[in-house]
Amino acid sequence: MSANRYGDGYHCEVVARSPDAAGEWYVATTWADTPDEALDWLHHQAARLADALDAAEDDQPAEQRQYATPVPAVFREWAADTEFRAVQCAALADGHPISANARGPDRVCGSADVEVLYSLAARPILRPVLAPFGSSSVDPR
C-alpha cells in the first residue's frame, strides 16, 4: 500500500452489466475486514450466482454454446482454485483490486440476444495517514 495510506477494509460487490440492454444491476455488496473475509464472501456469491444461472445441458440455448465456458462453470472453477485465491488475497493485502468476470447470454429474462457481463470484485478502501492532532500536514510515514 502507499506510504501515506492505510487499508480500512474491503468493499466487495457482485454486478451484472448489459450494454445491449443498457443496464447495470448491483446484485450484492458487503464490507469485509480482511482479504480472507472478502474472498470467502466472493466465493459464496460465486456459488450462489452459478446456481442461479445454471441450466441443464439440454436446456441451454444455442447462444450459450457459443461461449467457451458457461458462466456458472467460470465462477465454480474460480472459487475452487486455491492457488489463485492466495494470489488474490495477497493482491488485496497489497492494496490492489481483484475480480472474477464472465459473460454469457441473458438467462434471467430469457432474451438470448442480450449479452450479460458478470463481475465479482473486491477493492481495498484506502485512507490517508493523518498527522497527530494539531498538525496541519500529513504524517510522512
N, C-alpha and C. Protein backbone atom coordinates (compact mmCIF):
# COMPACT_ATOMS: atom_id res chain seq x y z
N MET A 1 0.83 -1.18 0.00
CA MET A 1 0.00 0.00 0.00
C MET A 1 0.87 1.24 0.00
N SER A 2 0.31 2.31 -0.40
CA SER A 2 1.02 3.57 -0.48
C SER A 2 1.53 3.97 0.91
N ALA A 3 2.66 4.65 0.93
CA ALA A 3 3.28 5.01 2.20
C ALA A 3 2.41 5.94 3.04
N ASN A 4 1.59 6.75 2.40
CA ASN A 4 0.77 7.68 3.19
C ASN A 4 -0.71 7.28 3.20
N ARG A 5 -0.97 5.99 3.02
CA ARG A 5 -2.34 5.48 3.07
C ARG A 5 -2.34 4.13 3.80
N TYR A 6 -3.45 3.81 4.41
CA TYR A 6 -3.58 2.51 5.06
C TYR A 6 -4.92 1.88 4.67
N GLY A 7 -4.99 0.57 4.74
CA GLY A 7 -6.21 -0.15 4.40
C GLY A 7 -7.21 -0.10 5.53
N ASP A 8 -8.45 0.18 5.16
CA ASP A 8 -9.52 0.28 6.16
C ASP A 8 -10.66 -0.66 5.79
N GLY A 9 -10.32 -1.85 5.35
CA GLY A 9 -11.33 -2.82 4.96
C GLY A 9 -11.42 -2.96 3.44
N TYR A 10 -12.40 -3.75 3.01
CA TYR A 10 -12.53 -4.10 1.60
C TYR A 10 -13.99 -4.03 1.18
N HIS A 11 -14.22 -3.33 0.10
CA HIS A 11 -15.57 -3.25 -0.47
C HIS A 11 -15.70 -4.38 -1.49
N CYS A 12 -16.73 -5.21 -1.33
CA CYS A 12 -16.95 -6.35 -2.22
C CYS A 12 -18.31 -6.19 -2.90
N GLU A 13 -18.38 -6.60 -4.18
CA GLU A 13 -19.65 -6.45 -4.90
C GLU A 13 -19.79 -7.48 -6.00
N VAL A 14 -21.05 -7.76 -6.32
CA VAL A 14 -21.42 -8.58 -7.46
C VAL A 14 -22.28 -7.70 -8.35
N VAL A 15 -21.85 -7.56 -9.61
CA VAL A 15 -22.54 -6.67 -10.54
C VAL A 15 -22.81 -7.42 -11.84
N ALA A 16 -24.00 -7.20 -12.39
CA ALA A 16 -24.35 -7.70 -13.72
C ALA A 16 -24.54 -6.47 -14.61
N ARG A 17 -23.86 -6.48 -15.75
CA ARG A 17 -23.96 -5.35 -16.68
C ARG A 17 -24.38 -5.88 -18.04
N SER A 18 -25.22 -5.12 -18.71
CA SER A 18 -25.61 -5.50 -20.06
C SER A 18 -25.62 -4.26 -20.95
N PRO A 19 -24.53 -4.06 -21.68
CA PRO A 19 -24.52 -2.93 -22.61
C PRO A 19 -25.66 -3.04 -23.63
N ASP A 20 -25.99 -4.28 -24.05
CA ASP A 20 -27.08 -4.49 -25.01
C ASP A 20 -28.42 -4.02 -24.45
N ALA A 21 -28.63 -4.23 -23.15
CA ALA A 21 -29.89 -3.83 -22.52
C ALA A 21 -29.78 -2.48 -21.83
N ALA A 22 -28.61 -1.84 -21.95
CA ALA A 22 -28.36 -0.54 -21.34
C ALA A 22 -28.66 -0.55 -19.84
N GLY A 23 -28.17 -1.59 -19.16
CA GLY A 23 -28.43 -1.69 -17.74
C GLY A 23 -27.23 -2.17 -16.94
N GLU A 24 -27.26 -1.85 -15.65
CA GLU A 24 -26.26 -2.30 -14.69
C GLU A 24 -26.99 -2.56 -13.39
N TRP A 25 -26.79 -3.76 -12.82
CA TRP A 25 -27.51 -4.15 -11.62
C TRP A 25 -26.53 -4.62 -10.56
N TYR A 26 -26.59 -3.99 -9.39
CA TYR A 26 -25.79 -4.43 -8.25
C TYR A 26 -26.56 -5.56 -7.58
N VAL A 27 -26.03 -6.75 -7.68
CA VAL A 27 -26.70 -7.95 -7.17
C VAL A 27 -26.50 -8.07 -5.66
N ALA A 28 -25.28 -7.79 -5.20
CA ALA A 28 -24.96 -7.89 -3.77
C ALA A 28 -23.72 -7.07 -3.48
N THR A 29 -23.60 -6.62 -2.25
CA THR A 29 -22.42 -5.86 -1.84
C THR A 29 -22.22 -6.05 -0.33
N THR A 30 -20.98 -5.96 0.10
CA THR A 30 -20.67 -6.06 1.53
C THR A 30 -19.34 -5.40 1.81
N TRP A 31 -19.05 -5.29 3.07
CA TRP A 31 -17.77 -4.77 3.57
C TRP A 31 -17.09 -5.92 4.29
N ALA A 32 -15.81 -6.12 4.02
CA ALA A 32 -15.03 -7.17 4.70
C ALA A 32 -13.86 -6.52 5.43
N ASP A 33 -13.50 -7.09 6.55
CA ASP A 33 -12.39 -6.54 7.33
C ASP A 33 -11.02 -7.03 6.87
N THR A 34 -10.98 -8.22 6.26
CA THR A 34 -9.69 -8.80 5.84
C THR A 34 -9.80 -9.33 4.41
N PRO A 35 -8.65 -9.53 3.75
CA PRO A 35 -8.69 -10.13 2.42
C PRO A 35 -9.34 -11.52 2.42
N ASP A 36 -9.07 -12.32 3.46
CA ASP A 36 -9.69 -13.65 3.55
C ASP A 36 -11.20 -13.56 3.63
N GLU A 37 -11.72 -12.63 4.44
CA GLU A 37 -13.17 -12.45 4.53
C GLU A 37 -13.75 -12.02 3.20
N ALA A 38 -13.04 -11.14 2.49
CA ALA A 38 -13.50 -10.67 1.18
C ALA A 38 -13.60 -11.84 0.20
N LEU A 39 -12.56 -12.68 0.16
CA LEU A 39 -12.58 -13.82 -0.76
C LEU A 39 -13.61 -14.87 -0.34
N ASP A 40 -13.79 -15.08 0.96
CA ASP A 40 -14.84 -16.00 1.42
C ASP A 40 -16.20 -15.55 0.91
N TRP A 41 -16.48 -14.25 1.07
CA TRP A 41 -17.77 -13.72 0.64
C TRP A 41 -17.93 -13.83 -0.87
N LEU A 42 -16.88 -13.47 -1.62
CA LEU A 42 -16.96 -13.55 -3.08
C LEU A 42 -17.15 -14.98 -3.56
N HIS A 43 -16.48 -15.93 -2.93
CA HIS A 43 -16.64 -17.34 -3.32
C HIS A 43 -18.06 -17.83 -3.04
N HIS A 44 -18.63 -17.40 -1.92
CA HIS A 44 -20.02 -17.76 -1.61
C HIS A 44 -20.95 -17.15 -2.66
N GLN A 45 -20.70 -15.90 -3.03
CA GLN A 45 -21.53 -15.25 -4.05
C GLN A 45 -21.36 -15.92 -5.41
N ALA A 46 -20.15 -16.38 -5.71
CA ALA A 46 -19.91 -17.08 -6.98
C ALA A 46 -20.75 -18.34 -7.05
N ALA A 47 -20.83 -19.08 -5.94
CA ALA A 47 -21.65 -20.30 -5.90
C ALA A 47 -23.12 -19.96 -6.06
N ARG A 48 -23.59 -18.93 -5.38
CA ARG A 48 -25.00 -18.51 -5.49
C ARG A 48 -25.33 -18.11 -6.93
N LEU A 49 -24.45 -17.32 -7.54
CA LEU A 49 -24.69 -16.87 -8.91
C LEU A 49 -24.66 -18.05 -9.87
N ALA A 50 -23.70 -18.94 -9.70
CA ALA A 50 -23.62 -20.12 -10.56
C ALA A 50 -24.88 -20.98 -10.44
N ASP A 51 -25.36 -21.18 -9.23
CA ASP A 51 -26.59 -21.96 -9.03
C ASP A 51 -27.79 -21.28 -9.69
N ALA A 52 -27.86 -19.96 -9.58
CA ALA A 52 -28.99 -19.23 -10.16
C ALA A 52 -28.97 -19.27 -11.68
N LEU A 53 -27.78 -19.28 -12.26
CA LEU A 53 -27.66 -19.23 -13.72
C LEU A 53 -27.54 -20.61 -14.36
N ASP A 54 -27.38 -21.62 -13.52
CA ASP A 54 -27.17 -22.97 -14.04
C ASP A 54 -28.38 -23.45 -14.83
N ALA A 55 -28.11 -24.22 -15.84
CA ALA A 55 -29.18 -24.82 -16.65
C ALA A 55 -28.77 -26.24 -16.98
N ALA A 56 -29.75 -27.09 -17.09
CA ALA A 56 -29.47 -28.46 -17.52
C ALA A 56 -28.87 -28.40 -18.92
N GLU A 57 -28.01 -29.34 -19.24
CA GLU A 57 -27.31 -29.34 -20.53
C GLU A 57 -28.25 -29.17 -21.71
N ASP A 58 -29.37 -29.90 -21.74
CA ASP A 58 -30.29 -29.78 -22.87
C ASP A 58 -31.16 -28.53 -22.79
N ASP A 59 -31.12 -27.83 -21.66
CA ASP A 59 -31.91 -26.60 -21.51
C ASP A 59 -31.13 -25.38 -21.99
N GLN A 60 -29.82 -25.56 -22.27
CA GLN A 60 -29.01 -24.42 -22.68
C GLN A 60 -29.37 -23.99 -24.09
N PRO A 61 -29.60 -22.70 -24.28
CA PRO A 61 -29.88 -22.22 -25.63
C PRO A 61 -28.63 -22.32 -26.50
N ALA A 62 -28.83 -22.37 -27.79
CA ALA A 62 -27.71 -22.44 -28.73
C ALA A 62 -26.74 -21.28 -28.50
N GLU A 63 -27.27 -20.13 -28.10
CA GLU A 63 -26.43 -18.96 -27.87
C GLU A 63 -25.42 -19.20 -26.75
N GLN A 64 -25.80 -19.98 -25.74
CA GLN A 64 -24.89 -20.28 -24.63
C GLN A 64 -23.73 -21.13 -25.12
N ARG A 65 -23.99 -22.00 -26.06
CA ARG A 65 -22.96 -22.90 -26.54
C ARG A 65 -21.86 -22.17 -27.31
N GLN A 66 -22.09 -20.93 -27.73
CA GLN A 66 -21.07 -20.18 -28.46
C GLN A 66 -19.93 -19.73 -27.55
N TYR A 67 -20.16 -19.72 -26.23
CA TYR A 67 -19.13 -19.32 -25.29
C TYR A 67 -18.28 -20.52 -24.93
N ALA A 68 -16.97 -20.29 -24.79
CA ALA A 68 -16.06 -21.39 -24.48
C ALA A 68 -16.42 -22.08 -23.18
N THR A 69 -16.80 -21.29 -22.17
CA THR A 69 -17.16 -21.84 -20.87
C THR A 69 -18.40 -21.11 -20.36
N PRO A 70 -19.45 -21.83 -19.98
CA PRO A 70 -20.64 -21.17 -19.45
C PRO A 70 -20.33 -20.42 -18.15
N VAL A 71 -21.06 -19.35 -17.90
CA VAL A 71 -20.85 -18.50 -16.73
C VAL A 71 -20.79 -19.31 -15.43
N PRO A 72 -21.74 -20.23 -15.16
CA PRO A 72 -21.66 -20.98 -13.90
C PRO A 72 -20.33 -21.74 -13.75
N ALA A 73 -19.84 -22.32 -14.82
CA ALA A 73 -18.57 -23.07 -14.76
C ALA A 73 -17.40 -22.14 -14.47
N VAL A 74 -17.40 -20.95 -15.08
CA VAL A 74 -16.32 -19.98 -14.83
C VAL A 74 -16.23 -19.66 -13.35
N PHE A 75 -17.37 -19.36 -12.73
CA PHE A 75 -17.34 -18.96 -11.32
C PHE A 75 -17.08 -20.15 -10.39
N ARG A 76 -17.53 -21.33 -10.74
CA ARG A 76 -17.22 -22.51 -9.90
C ARG A 76 -15.73 -22.83 -9.97
N GLU A 77 -15.15 -22.77 -11.16
CA GLU A 77 -13.72 -23.04 -11.30
C GLU A 77 -12.89 -22.00 -10.55
N TRP A 78 -13.30 -20.74 -10.65
CA TRP A 78 -12.57 -19.67 -9.96
C TRP A 78 -12.61 -19.90 -8.45
N ALA A 79 -13.78 -20.22 -7.92
CA ALA A 79 -13.92 -20.42 -6.47
C ALA A 79 -13.16 -21.65 -5.97
N ALA A 80 -12.96 -22.63 -6.83
CA ALA A 80 -12.27 -23.85 -6.43
C ALA A 80 -10.74 -23.74 -6.54
N ASP A 81 -10.24 -22.71 -7.16
CA ASP A 81 -8.80 -22.55 -7.40
C ASP A 81 -8.11 -21.97 -6.17
N THR A 82 -7.59 -22.83 -5.31
CA THR A 82 -7.00 -22.39 -4.05
C THR A 82 -5.68 -21.64 -4.26
N GLU A 83 -4.92 -22.02 -5.28
CA GLU A 83 -3.66 -21.31 -5.54
C GLU A 83 -3.94 -19.87 -5.97
N PHE A 84 -4.93 -19.68 -6.83
CA PHE A 84 -5.25 -18.33 -7.28
C PHE A 84 -5.88 -17.51 -6.15
N ARG A 85 -6.58 -18.17 -5.26
CA ARG A 85 -7.13 -17.47 -4.09
C ARG A 85 -6.00 -16.82 -3.30
N ALA A 86 -4.91 -17.55 -3.10
CA ALA A 86 -3.76 -17.00 -2.36
C ALA A 86 -3.18 -15.78 -3.08
N VAL A 87 -3.12 -15.85 -4.41
CA VAL A 87 -2.63 -14.72 -5.20
C VAL A 87 -3.54 -13.51 -5.02
N GLN A 88 -4.86 -13.74 -5.07
CA GLN A 88 -5.80 -12.63 -4.93
C GLN A 88 -5.81 -12.07 -3.51
N CYS A 89 -5.67 -12.92 -2.50
CA CYS A 89 -5.58 -12.42 -1.11
C CYS A 89 -4.35 -11.52 -0.96
N ALA A 90 -3.23 -11.94 -1.52
CA ALA A 90 -2.01 -11.15 -1.44
C ALA A 90 -2.18 -9.81 -2.17
N ALA A 91 -2.84 -9.84 -3.32
CA ALA A 91 -3.08 -8.60 -4.07
C ALA A 91 -3.92 -7.63 -3.27
N LEU A 92 -5.00 -8.13 -2.65
CA LEU A 92 -5.84 -7.26 -1.81
C LEU A 92 -5.03 -6.68 -0.65
N ALA A 93 -4.26 -7.53 0.01
CA ALA A 93 -3.46 -7.08 1.15
C ALA A 93 -2.45 -6.02 0.73
N ASP A 94 -1.99 -6.07 -0.53
CA ASP A 94 -1.04 -5.08 -1.04
C ASP A 94 -1.72 -3.83 -1.59
N GLY A 95 -3.06 -3.78 -1.50
CA GLY A 95 -3.77 -2.58 -1.91
C GLY A 95 -4.29 -2.59 -3.33
N HIS A 96 -4.33 -3.76 -3.97
CA HIS A 96 -4.80 -3.85 -5.35
C HIS A 96 -6.22 -4.44 -5.41
N PRO A 97 -7.04 -3.98 -6.34
CA PRO A 97 -8.38 -4.58 -6.51
C PRO A 97 -8.26 -5.94 -7.21
N ILE A 98 -9.24 -6.79 -6.99
CA ILE A 98 -9.27 -8.10 -7.65
C ILE A 98 -10.69 -8.32 -8.20
N SER A 99 -10.80 -9.22 -9.18
CA SER A 99 -12.12 -9.55 -9.71
C SER A 99 -12.11 -10.88 -10.42
N ALA A 100 -13.30 -11.42 -10.60
CA ALA A 100 -13.54 -12.59 -11.45
C ALA A 100 -14.70 -12.18 -12.36
N ASN A 101 -14.56 -12.42 -13.65
CA ASN A 101 -15.53 -11.93 -14.62
C ASN A 101 -15.90 -13.01 -15.62
N ALA A 102 -17.14 -12.96 -16.08
CA ALA A 102 -17.61 -13.89 -17.11
C ALA A 102 -18.72 -13.22 -17.91
N ARG A 103 -18.96 -13.74 -19.09
CA ARG A 103 -20.04 -13.19 -19.91
C ARG A 103 -20.81 -14.32 -20.55
N GLY A 104 -22.08 -14.04 -20.79
CA GLY A 104 -22.93 -15.04 -21.41
C GLY A 104 -24.26 -14.42 -21.79
N PRO A 105 -25.13 -15.21 -22.42
CA PRO A 105 -26.44 -14.69 -22.80
C PRO A 105 -27.32 -14.50 -21.58
N ASP A 106 -28.31 -13.67 -21.71
CA ASP A 106 -29.27 -13.42 -20.63
C ASP A 106 -29.99 -14.71 -20.27
N ARG A 107 -29.86 -15.14 -18.99
CA ARG A 107 -30.55 -16.35 -18.53
C ARG A 107 -31.69 -15.99 -17.59
N VAL A 108 -31.84 -14.71 -17.27
CA VAL A 108 -32.87 -14.30 -16.32
C VAL A 108 -34.16 -13.92 -17.05
N CYS A 109 -34.05 -13.04 -18.01
CA CYS A 109 -35.25 -12.59 -18.75
C CYS A 109 -35.50 -13.44 -20.00
N GLY A 110 -34.53 -14.25 -20.38
CA GLY A 110 -34.73 -15.16 -21.49
C GLY A 110 -34.44 -14.59 -22.86
N SER A 111 -33.84 -13.43 -22.92
CA SER A 111 -33.51 -12.84 -24.21
C SER A 111 -32.09 -13.24 -24.57
N ALA A 112 -31.93 -14.31 -25.33
CA ALA A 112 -30.61 -14.82 -25.67
C ALA A 112 -29.84 -13.86 -26.57
N ASP A 113 -30.52 -12.87 -27.15
CA ASP A 113 -29.84 -11.88 -27.99
C ASP A 113 -29.09 -10.85 -27.16
N VAL A 114 -29.31 -10.85 -25.85
CA VAL A 114 -28.71 -9.86 -24.97
C VAL A 114 -27.56 -10.52 -24.20
N GLU A 115 -26.39 -9.90 -24.27
CA GLU A 115 -25.24 -10.42 -23.54
C GLU A 115 -25.15 -9.74 -22.18
N VAL A 116 -24.80 -10.53 -21.16
CA VAL A 116 -24.66 -10.01 -19.80
C VAL A 116 -23.24 -10.28 -19.33
N LEU A 117 -22.64 -9.27 -18.72
CA LEU A 117 -21.30 -9.37 -18.17
C LEU A 117 -21.43 -9.42 -16.64
N TYR A 118 -20.88 -10.45 -16.03
CA TYR A 118 -20.97 -10.63 -14.58
C TYR A 118 -19.59 -10.36 -13.97
N SER A 119 -19.58 -9.63 -12.86
CA SER A 119 -18.32 -9.31 -12.21
C SER A 119 -18.45 -9.46 -10.70
N LEU A 120 -17.53 -10.23 -10.12
CA LEU A 120 -17.40 -10.33 -8.67
C LEU A 120 -16.09 -9.62 -8.35
N ALA A 121 -16.13 -8.60 -7.51
CA ALA A 121 -14.93 -7.80 -7.30
C ALA A 121 -14.78 -7.37 -5.85
N ALA A 122 -13.54 -7.10 -5.48
CA ALA A 122 -13.23 -6.54 -4.16
C ALA A 122 -12.11 -5.53 -4.34
N ARG A 123 -12.20 -4.47 -3.58
CA ARG A 123 -11.13 -3.47 -3.63
C ARG A 123 -10.90 -2.94 -2.22
N PRO A 124 -9.63 -2.65 -1.91
CA PRO A 124 -9.34 -2.10 -0.60
C PRO A 124 -9.83 -0.66 -0.50
N ILE A 125 -10.27 -0.30 0.67
CA ILE A 125 -10.63 1.08 0.96
C ILE A 125 -9.41 1.69 1.62
N LEU A 126 -8.77 2.62 0.93
CA LEU A 126 -7.54 3.23 1.43
C LEU A 126 -7.84 4.59 2.04
N ARG A 127 -7.30 4.84 3.20
CA ARG A 127 -7.49 6.10 3.90
C ARG A 127 -6.12 6.76 4.09
N PRO A 128 -6.08 8.08 4.08
CA PRO A 128 -4.80 8.75 4.32
C PRO A 128 -4.35 8.58 5.77
N VAL A 129 -3.05 8.54 5.95
CA VAL A 129 -2.49 8.53 7.30
C VAL A 129 -2.37 9.99 7.70
N LEU A 130 -3.10 10.39 8.71
CA LEU A 130 -3.12 11.79 9.13
C LEU A 130 -2.05 12.05 10.19
N ALA A 131 -1.60 13.29 10.22
CA ALA A 131 -0.62 13.70 11.22
C ALA A 131 -1.29 13.73 12.59
N PRO A 132 -0.50 13.70 13.66
CA PRO A 132 -1.08 13.79 15.00
C PRO A 132 -1.92 15.05 15.15
N PHE A 133 -2.86 15.00 16.07
CA PHE A 133 -3.76 16.13 16.32
C PHE A 133 -2.97 17.42 16.50
N GLY A 134 -3.42 18.47 15.83
CA GLY A 134 -2.77 19.78 15.96
C GLY A 134 -1.82 20.09 14.83
N SER A 135 -1.42 19.10 14.07
CA SER A 135 -0.52 19.33 12.94
C SER A 135 -1.36 19.56 11.69
N SER A 136 -0.86 20.39 10.80
CA SER A 136 -1.63 20.69 9.59
C SER A 136 -1.12 19.92 8.38
N SER A 137 -0.18 19.02 8.56
CA SER A 137 0.34 18.28 7.42
C SER A 137 0.07 16.78 7.59
N VAL A 138 0.21 16.06 6.51
CA VAL A 138 0.03 14.61 6.53
C VAL A 138 1.29 13.98 7.10
N ASP A 139 1.13 12.98 7.93
CA ASP A 139 2.25 12.25 8.52
C ASP A 139 3.08 11.63 7.39
N PRO A 140 4.39 11.90 7.30
CA PRO A 140 5.21 11.42 6.18
C PRO A 140 5.60 9.95 6.26
N ARG A 141 5.01 9.15 7.09
CA ARG A 141 5.38 7.72 7.20
C ARG A 141 5.46 7.05 5.90
